[in-house]
Amino acid sequence: MNGQTVAGTAFASLADSVRPLRRAREFLGSPGCTAEARLLADRFLRQLEAEWCAALGDGRGDDVLLVVNELVTNAERHSHGPYLLELEGTGRQVIVTVYDSSSALPRRYERDPGRLGRHGMEIVHVLSDRLVAERVPVGKRVQAMFEL
């Protein structure tokens, strides 16, 4: 029994050490929130590189920052209340999630270089490896995933 406890404890410690890096912050939509969200994401990516040896070269980190910008901007424009930005990552993947109070799912318009505005979800779709938008009890969740 003692051997099992020691092995179990060692295994639990190992499991704790491989948990993804996570950061989250609520924003109220006041001026400067989008810049604050990008700054949070930039710090998160730097920490992910340092602690997980995440390979964010070839502009992949810039892609994540642009997607954070677009998703937070959409939440700010289309929700009626605060929104939450969650970042999660390992050496292999980054997940950007935004929750907001609007139940209206984002609309991705067809490519139209002549259209002014409404290119945000088009950009997010192109830059991320997987995009999921779904209604949740308090509004919606939009999640963009990046393979590293």
Protein backbone atom coordinates (compact mmCIF):
# COMPACT_ATOMS: atom_id res chain seq x y z
CA MET A 1 0.00 0.00 0.00
CA ASN A 2 2.83 2.39 0.87
CA GLY A 3 4.41 1.81 -2.54
CA GLN A 4 1.13 2.66 -4.22
CA THR A 5 0.78 5.86 -2.24
CA VAL A 6 4.30 7.00 -3.08
CA ALA A 7 3.89 6.09 -6.75
CA GLY A 8 0.47 7.73 -6.80
CA THR A 9 1.88 10.90 -5.28
CA ALA A 10 4.74 10.96 -7.77
CA PHE A 11 2.30 10.46 -10.62
CA ALA A 12 0.06 13.25 -9.30
CA SER A 13 3.08 15.59 -9.11
CA LEU A 14 3.99 14.71 -12.68
CA ALA A 15 0.41 15.37 -13.81
CA ASP A 16 0.47 18.77 -12.07
CA SER A 17 3.68 19.73 -13.84
CA VAL A 18 2.22 19.20 -17.32
CA ARG A 19 -0.94 21.23 -16.93
CA PRO A 20 -1.34 23.79 -19.72
CA LEU A 21 -0.41 27.39 -19.06
CA ARG A 22 -3.64 29.34 -18.51
CA ARG A 23 -4.52 33.00 -18.19
CA ALA A 24 -7.95 34.65 -18.07
CA ARG A 25 -9.24 38.17 -17.62
CA GLU A 26 -12.60 39.86 -17.63
CA PHE A 27 -12.97 43.10 -19.57
CA LEU A 28 -15.73 45.66 -19.14
CA GLY A 29 -15.45 47.27 -22.56
CA SER A 30 -13.92 50.53 -21.37
CA PRO A 31 -11.49 52.38 -23.65
CA GLY A 32 -8.20 50.55 -24.03
CA CYS A 33 -9.57 47.05 -23.32
CA THR A 34 -8.52 45.69 -26.70
CA ALA A 35 -4.96 46.90 -26.18
CA GLU A 36 -4.95 45.39 -22.67
CA ALA A 37 -6.16 42.07 -24.09
CA ARG A 38 -3.34 42.08 -26.67
CA LEU A 39 -0.82 42.89 -23.93
CA LEU A 40 -2.13 40.01 -21.80
CA ALA A 41 -1.86 37.69 -24.82
CA ASP A 42 1.66 38.90 -25.63
CA ARG A 43 2.83 38.23 -22.06
CA PHE A 44 1.13 34.84 -22.16
CA LEU A 45 2.91 33.91 -25.40
CA ARG A 46 6.30 35.00 -24.02
CA GLN A 47 5.73 32.88 -20.93
CA LEU A 48 4.62 29.95 -23.10
CA GLU A 49 7.85 30.24 -25.10
CA ALA A 50 9.97 30.38 -21.96
CA GLU A 51 8.25 27.67 -19.94
CA TRP A 52 7.00 25.30 -22.63
CA CYS A 53 9.57 25.99 -25.36
CA ALA A 54 6.64 26.76 -27.64
CA ALA A 55 7.71 27.42 -31.22
CA LEU A 56 5.97 30.67 -32.12
CA GLY A 57 8.21 31.60 -35.04
CA ASP A 58 7.10 32.22 -38.61
CA GLY A 59 4.55 34.77 -37.41
CA ARG A 60 2.48 32.28 -35.41
CA GLY A 61 2.58 34.50 -32.33
CA ASP A 62 1.45 37.46 -34.45
CA ASP A 63 -1.45 35.33 -35.73
CA VAL A 64 -2.55 34.62 -32.16
CA LEU A 65 -2.35 38.32 -31.24
CA LEU A 66 -4.39 39.34 -34.28
CA VAL A 67 -7.05 36.74 -33.47
CA VAL A 68 -7.20 37.97 -29.85
CA ASN A 69 -7.65 41.49 -31.20
CA GLU A 70 -10.48 40.47 -33.55
CA LEU A 71 -12.36 38.30 -31.05
CA VAL A 72 -12.14 40.88 -28.26
CA THR A 73 -13.19 43.66 -30.64
CA ASN A 74 -16.22 41.60 -31.70
CA ALA A 75 -17.17 40.90 -28.08
CA GLU A 76 -16.85 44.57 -27.26
CA ARG A 77 -19.03 45.63 -30.19
CA HIS A 78 -21.74 42.99 -30.03
CA SER A 79 -22.25 42.08 -26.37
CA HIS A 80 -24.22 43.84 -23.68
CA GLY A 81 -21.93 43.44 -20.75
CA PRO A 82 -18.50 42.26 -19.76
CA TYR A 83 -16.61 39.64 -21.72
CA LEU A 84 -13.97 37.13 -20.74
CA LEU A 85 -10.73 36.29 -22.54
CA GLU A 86 -9.14 32.93 -21.75
CA LEU A 87 -5.75 31.80 -23.04
CA GLU A 88 -4.47 28.25 -22.74
CA GLY A 89 -1.35 26.72 -24.21
CA THR A 90 1.29 24.05 -24.27
CA GLY A 91 4.31 23.52 -26.47
CA ARG A 92 2.00 22.14 -29.15
CA GLN A 93 -1.15 24.23 -29.07
CA VAL A 94 -2.64 27.61 -28.14
CA ILE A 95 -6.36 28.09 -27.52
CA VAL A 96 -7.94 31.54 -27.45
CA THR A 97 -11.47 31.66 -26.01
CA VAL A 98 -13.77 34.65 -25.65
CA TYR A 99 -17.07 34.50 -23.77
CA ASP A 100 -19.58 37.31 -24.08
CA SER A 101 -23.22 37.97 -23.19
CA SER A 102 -24.63 38.04 -26.73
CA SER A 103 -26.21 34.79 -27.91
CA ALA A 104 -25.86 35.84 -31.57
CA LEU A 105 -23.18 33.66 -33.16
CA PRO A 106 -20.55 35.49 -35.21
CA ARG A 107 -21.16 35.63 -38.91
CA ARG A 108 -18.40 35.02 -41.39
CA TYR A 109 -19.01 36.91 -44.60
CA GLU A 110 -17.77 35.71 -47.96
CA ARG A 111 -14.51 37.23 -49.10
CA ASP A 112 -15.10 40.67 -50.58
CA PRO A 113 -12.07 42.99 -50.82
CA GLY A 114 -14.40 45.89 -51.66
CA ARG A 115 -16.43 45.58 -48.45
CA LEU A 116 -15.64 48.09 -45.72
CA GLY A 117 -15.41 46.37 -42.35
CA ARG A 118 -16.81 43.03 -41.21
CA HIS A 119 -13.62 41.14 -42.04
CA GLY A 120 -12.89 40.05 -38.45
CA MET A 121 -14.23 36.50 -38.56
CA GLU A 122 -12.79 36.04 -42.05
CA ILE A 123 -9.36 36.86 -40.58
CA VAL A 124 -9.89 34.60 -37.55
CA HIS A 125 -10.99 31.72 -39.78
CA VAL A 126 -7.94 32.03 -42.04
CA LEU A 127 -5.37 32.36 -39.24
CA SER A 128 -6.60 29.69 -36.82
CA ASP A 129 -6.45 25.93 -37.36
CA ARG A 130 -9.88 25.38 -35.86
CA LEU A 131 -12.68 27.75 -34.97
CA VAL A 132 -15.72 26.92 -32.84
CA ALA A 133 -18.57 29.26 -31.92
CA GLU A 134 -21.41 28.05 -29.74
CA ARG A 135 -24.12 29.37 -27.50
CA VAL A 136 -23.64 28.91 -23.76
CA PRO A 137 -26.12 29.71 -20.96
CA VAL A 138 -24.82 33.27 -20.54
CA GLY A 139 -24.31 34.12 -24.23
CA LYS A 140 -21.69 32.58 -26.49
CA ARG A 141 -18.21 31.15 -26.57
CA VAL A 142 -15.88 31.64 -29.53
CA GLN A 143 -12.74 29.52 -29.52
CA ALA A 144 -9.81 29.63 -31.93
CA MET A 145 -7.17 26.90 -31.81
CA PHE A 146 -3.62 27.08 -33.12
CA GLU A 147 -1.31 24.12 -33.66
CA LEU A 148 2.34 24.99 -33.07
